[in-house]
């Protein structure tokens, strides 16, 4: 009796999991919410959380549009060539 009950519960829950629709589209990068931003100190240059959030938002917009800042290649893939380890 317990095995039958267990089977019914598993099948019911499996059916519910299949019935939940999965998102078919992701939100564009520049429309996403940037959260959990904190202030940063980069080798003595201090940036407020508002400045970091604004930079992240601008970078997301550039990436989604395929544009860069001025005549250089920013934003670009971060390669950590300096070997920094304090990323949170």
N, C-alpha and C. Protein backbone atom coordinates (compact mmCIF):
# COMPACT_ATOMS: atom_id res chain seq x y z
N UNK A 1 0.82 -1.19 0.00
CA UNK A 1 0.00 0.00 0.00
C UNK A 1 0.87 1.27 0.00
N UNK A 2 1.92 1.25 0.83
CA UNK A 2 2.81 2.41 0.90
C UNK A 2 3.52 2.62 -0.44
N UNK A 3 3.93 1.53 -1.08
CA UNK A 3 4.62 1.64 -2.37
C UNK A 3 3.70 2.25 -3.42
N UNK A 4 2.43 1.89 -3.40
CA UNK A 4 1.46 2.45 -4.34
C UNK A 4 1.29 3.95 -4.08
N UNK A 5 1.16 4.31 -2.81
CA UNK A 5 1.03 5.72 -2.44
C UNK A 5 2.26 6.52 -2.89
N UNK A 6 3.43 5.95 -2.64
CA UNK A 6 4.68 6.61 -3.01
C UNK A 6 4.75 6.80 -4.53
N UNK A 7 4.34 5.81 -5.28
CA UNK A 7 4.35 5.89 -6.74
C UNK A 7 3.40 6.98 -7.22
N UNK A 8 2.21 7.05 -6.64
CA UNK A 8 1.23 8.07 -7.02
C UNK A 8 1.77 9.47 -6.73
N UNK A 9 2.38 9.65 -5.58
CA UNK A 9 2.94 10.95 -5.22
C UNK A 9 4.05 11.35 -6.19
N UNK A 10 4.95 10.45 -6.49
CA UNK A 10 6.05 10.74 -7.40
C UNK A 10 5.52 11.09 -8.79
N UNK A 11 4.57 10.33 -9.29
CA UNK A 11 4.01 10.60 -10.61
C UNK A 11 3.26 11.93 -10.64
N UNK A 12 2.55 12.25 -9.57
CA UNK A 12 1.83 13.52 -9.50
C UNK A 12 2.79 14.69 -9.51
N UNK A 13 3.82 14.61 -8.68
CA UNK A 13 4.81 15.69 -8.63
C UNK A 13 5.57 15.81 -9.94
N UNK A 14 5.85 14.69 -10.58
CA UNK A 14 6.53 14.73 -11.87
C UNK A 14 5.66 15.43 -12.91
N UNK A 15 4.39 15.14 -12.88
CA UNK A 15 3.46 15.79 -13.81
C UNK A 15 3.39 17.28 -13.60
N UNK A 16 3.42 17.72 -12.35
CA UNK A 16 3.41 19.15 -12.06
C UNK A 16 4.69 19.81 -12.56
N UNK A 17 5.80 19.15 -12.38
CA UNK A 17 7.08 19.72 -12.82
C UNK A 17 7.11 19.88 -14.33
N UNK A 18 6.55 18.96 -15.04
CA UNK A 18 6.51 19.03 -16.50
C UNK A 18 5.55 20.13 -16.95
N UNK A 19 4.49 20.37 -16.18
CA UNK A 19 3.47 21.34 -16.55
C UNK A 19 3.92 22.79 -16.35
N UNK A 20 4.96 23.02 -15.58
CA UNK A 20 5.43 24.38 -15.34
C UNK A 20 6.18 24.85 -16.58
N UNK A 21 5.69 25.92 -17.21
CA UNK A 21 6.35 26.38 -18.43
C UNK A 21 7.72 26.98 -18.15
N UNK A 22 8.64 26.69 -19.01
CA UNK A 22 9.99 27.25 -18.90
C UNK A 22 10.05 28.52 -19.74
N UNK A 23 10.82 29.50 -19.30
CA UNK A 23 10.94 30.71 -20.11
C UNK A 23 11.53 30.39 -21.48
N UNK A 24 10.98 30.99 -22.50
CA UNK A 24 11.47 30.73 -23.85
C UNK A 24 12.41 31.83 -24.33
N UNK A 25 12.48 32.91 -23.59
CA UNK A 25 13.27 34.04 -24.01
C UNK A 25 14.00 34.61 -22.80
N UNK A 26 15.22 35.01 -22.95
CA UNK A 26 15.92 35.68 -21.86
C UNK A 26 15.81 37.18 -22.03
N UNK A 27 15.86 37.87 -20.92
CA UNK A 27 15.80 39.32 -20.95
C UNK A 27 17.09 39.87 -21.55
N UNK A 28 17.00 40.84 -22.43
CA UNK A 28 18.23 41.44 -22.98
C UNK A 28 19.13 41.95 -21.87
N UNK A 29 20.42 41.87 -22.08
CA UNK A 29 21.40 42.22 -21.06
C UNK A 29 21.19 43.63 -20.53
N UNK A 30 20.91 44.59 -21.40
CA UNK A 30 20.77 45.98 -20.93
C UNK A 30 19.44 46.24 -20.23
N UNK A 31 18.53 45.28 -20.20
CA UNK A 31 17.25 45.44 -19.50
C UNK A 31 17.25 44.73 -18.15
N UNK A 32 18.30 44.00 -17.83
CA UNK A 32 18.36 43.27 -16.58
C UNK A 32 18.67 44.20 -15.42
N UNK A 33 18.26 43.79 -14.23
CA UNK A 33 18.53 44.56 -13.03
C UNK A 33 19.91 44.21 -12.51
N UNK A 34 20.70 45.23 -12.23
CA UNK A 34 22.03 45.04 -11.65
C UNK A 34 21.87 45.25 -10.16
N UNK A 35 22.15 44.22 -9.37
CA UNK A 35 21.94 44.32 -7.93
C UNK A 35 23.17 43.86 -7.16
N UNK A 36 23.19 44.19 -5.87
CA UNK A 36 24.28 43.76 -5.01
C UNK A 36 25.56 44.53 -5.26
N UNK A 37 25.44 45.72 -5.81
CA UNK A 37 26.62 46.52 -6.14
C UNK A 37 27.20 47.13 -4.87
N UNK A 38 28.50 47.06 -4.73
CA UNK A 38 29.17 47.68 -3.59
C UNK A 38 30.24 48.64 -4.09
N UNK A 39 30.70 49.49 -3.18
CA UNK A 39 31.78 50.41 -3.52
C UNK A 39 33.04 49.60 -3.79
N UNK A 40 34.00 50.21 -4.47
CA UNK A 40 35.22 49.48 -4.82
C UNK A 40 36.44 50.39 -4.66
N UNK A 41 37.55 49.77 -4.32
CA UNK A 41 38.83 50.47 -4.27
C UNK A 41 39.76 49.73 -5.22
N UNK A 42 40.23 50.43 -6.22
CA UNK A 42 41.08 49.83 -7.24
C UNK A 42 42.43 50.53 -7.22
N UNK A 43 43.35 49.94 -6.48
CA UNK A 43 44.70 50.51 -6.34
C UNK A 43 44.68 51.98 -5.93
N UNK A 44 43.83 52.30 -4.95
CA UNK A 44 43.77 53.66 -4.42
C UNK A 44 42.71 54.54 -5.06
N UNK A 45 42.11 54.10 -6.13
CA UNK A 45 41.02 54.84 -6.75
C UNK A 45 39.72 54.29 -6.17
N UNK A 46 38.99 55.14 -5.47
CA UNK A 46 37.76 54.71 -4.80
C UNK A 46 36.55 55.06 -5.66
N UNK A 47 35.65 54.09 -5.80
CA UNK A 47 34.43 54.28 -6.56
C UNK A 47 33.24 53.97 -5.66
N UNK A 48 32.22 54.82 -5.67
CA UNK A 48 31.02 54.59 -4.87
C UNK A 48 30.20 53.48 -5.51
N UNK A 49 29.25 52.94 -4.74
CA UNK A 49 28.40 51.89 -5.31
C UNK A 49 27.58 52.45 -6.47
N UNK A 50 27.19 53.72 -6.41
CA UNK A 50 26.44 54.32 -7.52
C UNK A 50 27.30 54.40 -8.78
N UNK A 51 28.58 54.73 -8.62
CA UNK A 51 29.48 54.79 -9.78
C UNK A 51 29.70 53.40 -10.38
N UNK A 52 29.84 52.40 -9.52
CA UNK A 52 30.03 51.02 -10.00
C UNK A 52 28.77 50.55 -10.72
N UNK A 53 27.60 50.84 -10.16
CA UNK A 53 26.34 50.45 -10.80
C UNK A 53 26.17 51.14 -12.15
N UNK A 54 26.52 52.42 -12.23
CA UNK A 54 26.41 53.16 -13.49
C UNK A 54 27.35 52.58 -14.54
N UNK A 55 28.56 52.22 -14.12
CA UNK A 55 29.53 51.62 -15.05
C UNK A 55 29.05 50.26 -15.54
N UNK A 56 28.49 49.46 -14.63
CA UNK A 56 27.97 48.14 -15.02
C UNK A 56 26.82 48.28 -16.00
N UNK A 57 25.94 49.23 -15.73
CA UNK A 57 24.81 49.46 -16.63
C UNK A 57 25.28 49.92 -18.01
N UNK A 58 26.24 50.84 -18.03
CA UNK A 58 26.78 51.32 -19.30
C UNK A 58 27.47 50.20 -20.07
N UNK A 59 28.20 49.35 -19.36
CA UNK A 59 28.88 48.22 -20.01
C UNK A 59 27.86 47.26 -20.61
N UNK A 60 26.78 46.98 -19.86
CA UNK A 60 25.74 46.07 -20.36
C UNK A 60 25.10 46.65 -21.62
N UNK A 61 24.87 47.95 -21.63
CA UNK A 61 24.29 48.60 -22.81
C UNK A 61 25.24 48.49 -24.01
N UNK A 62 26.52 48.75 -23.78
CA UNK A 62 27.50 48.64 -24.88
C UNK A 62 27.57 47.21 -25.42
N UNK A 63 27.58 46.23 -24.52
CA UNK A 63 27.67 44.83 -24.96
C UNK A 63 26.44 44.46 -25.79
N UNK A 64 25.25 44.84 -25.32
CA UNK A 64 24.03 44.47 -26.05
C UNK A 64 23.94 45.16 -27.40
N UNK A 65 24.51 46.35 -27.51
CA UNK A 65 24.47 47.09 -28.78
C UNK A 65 25.66 46.78 -29.68
N UNK A 66 26.66 46.10 -29.12
CA UNK A 66 27.86 45.79 -29.90
C UNK A 66 28.74 47.00 -30.12
N UNK A 67 28.64 47.98 -29.21
CA UNK A 67 29.45 49.19 -29.33
C UNK A 67 30.58 49.18 -28.30
N UNK A 68 31.50 50.10 -28.44
CA UNK A 68 32.60 50.24 -27.49
C UNK A 68 32.64 51.67 -26.98
N UNK A 69 33.50 51.92 -26.01
CA UNK A 69 33.67 53.26 -25.45
C UNK A 69 34.76 53.96 -26.24
N UNK A 70 34.41 55.04 -26.91
CA UNK A 70 35.40 55.78 -27.69
C UNK A 70 36.01 54.92 -28.78
N UNK A 71 37.32 55.10 -28.97
CA UNK A 71 38.00 54.35 -30.03
C UNK A 71 38.70 53.10 -29.51
N UNK A 72 38.55 52.79 -28.21
CA UNK A 72 39.21 51.59 -27.68
C UNK A 72 38.26 50.40 -27.69
N UNK A 73 38.68 49.30 -27.11
CA UNK A 73 37.90 48.06 -27.18
C UNK A 73 37.11 47.76 -25.91
N UNK A 74 36.87 48.74 -25.05
CA UNK A 74 36.09 48.50 -23.83
C UNK A 74 34.61 48.61 -24.12
N UNK A 75 33.74 47.81 -23.55
CA UNK A 75 34.06 46.69 -22.65
C UNK A 75 34.56 45.48 -23.44
N UNK A 76 35.38 44.69 -22.78
CA UNK A 76 35.92 43.48 -23.39
C UNK A 76 35.99 42.38 -22.35
N UNK A 77 36.34 41.19 -22.76
CA UNK A 77 36.44 40.05 -21.85
C UNK A 77 37.55 40.31 -20.84
N UNK A 78 37.25 40.05 -19.57
CA UNK A 78 38.23 40.23 -18.50
C UNK A 78 39.10 38.98 -18.41
N UNK A 79 40.39 39.13 -18.61
CA UNK A 79 41.30 37.98 -18.61
C UNK A 79 42.10 37.82 -17.33
N UNK A 80 42.09 38.81 -16.44
CA UNK A 80 42.82 38.75 -15.17
C UNK A 80 44.29 38.42 -15.37
N UNK A 81 44.92 39.12 -16.26
CA UNK A 81 46.34 38.89 -16.53
C UNK A 81 47.22 39.26 -15.34
N UNK A 82 46.70 40.13 -14.46
CA UNK A 82 47.47 40.53 -13.28
C UNK A 82 47.42 39.49 -12.18
N UNK A 83 46.52 38.52 -12.30
CA UNK A 83 46.41 37.46 -11.29
C UNK A 83 45.75 37.91 -10.00
N UNK A 84 44.88 38.90 -10.05
CA UNK A 84 44.18 39.38 -8.86
C UNK A 84 43.27 38.28 -8.34
N UNK A 85 43.12 38.23 -7.01
CA UNK A 85 42.31 37.17 -6.41
C UNK A 85 41.15 37.68 -5.58
N UNK A 86 41.04 38.97 -5.33
CA UNK A 86 40.02 39.50 -4.44
C UNK A 86 38.76 39.91 -5.18
N UNK A 87 38.14 38.99 -5.87
CA UNK A 87 36.89 39.29 -6.56
C UNK A 87 35.75 38.72 -5.75
N UNK A 88 34.77 39.55 -5.45
CA UNK A 88 33.62 39.11 -4.64
C UNK A 88 32.38 39.15 -5.47
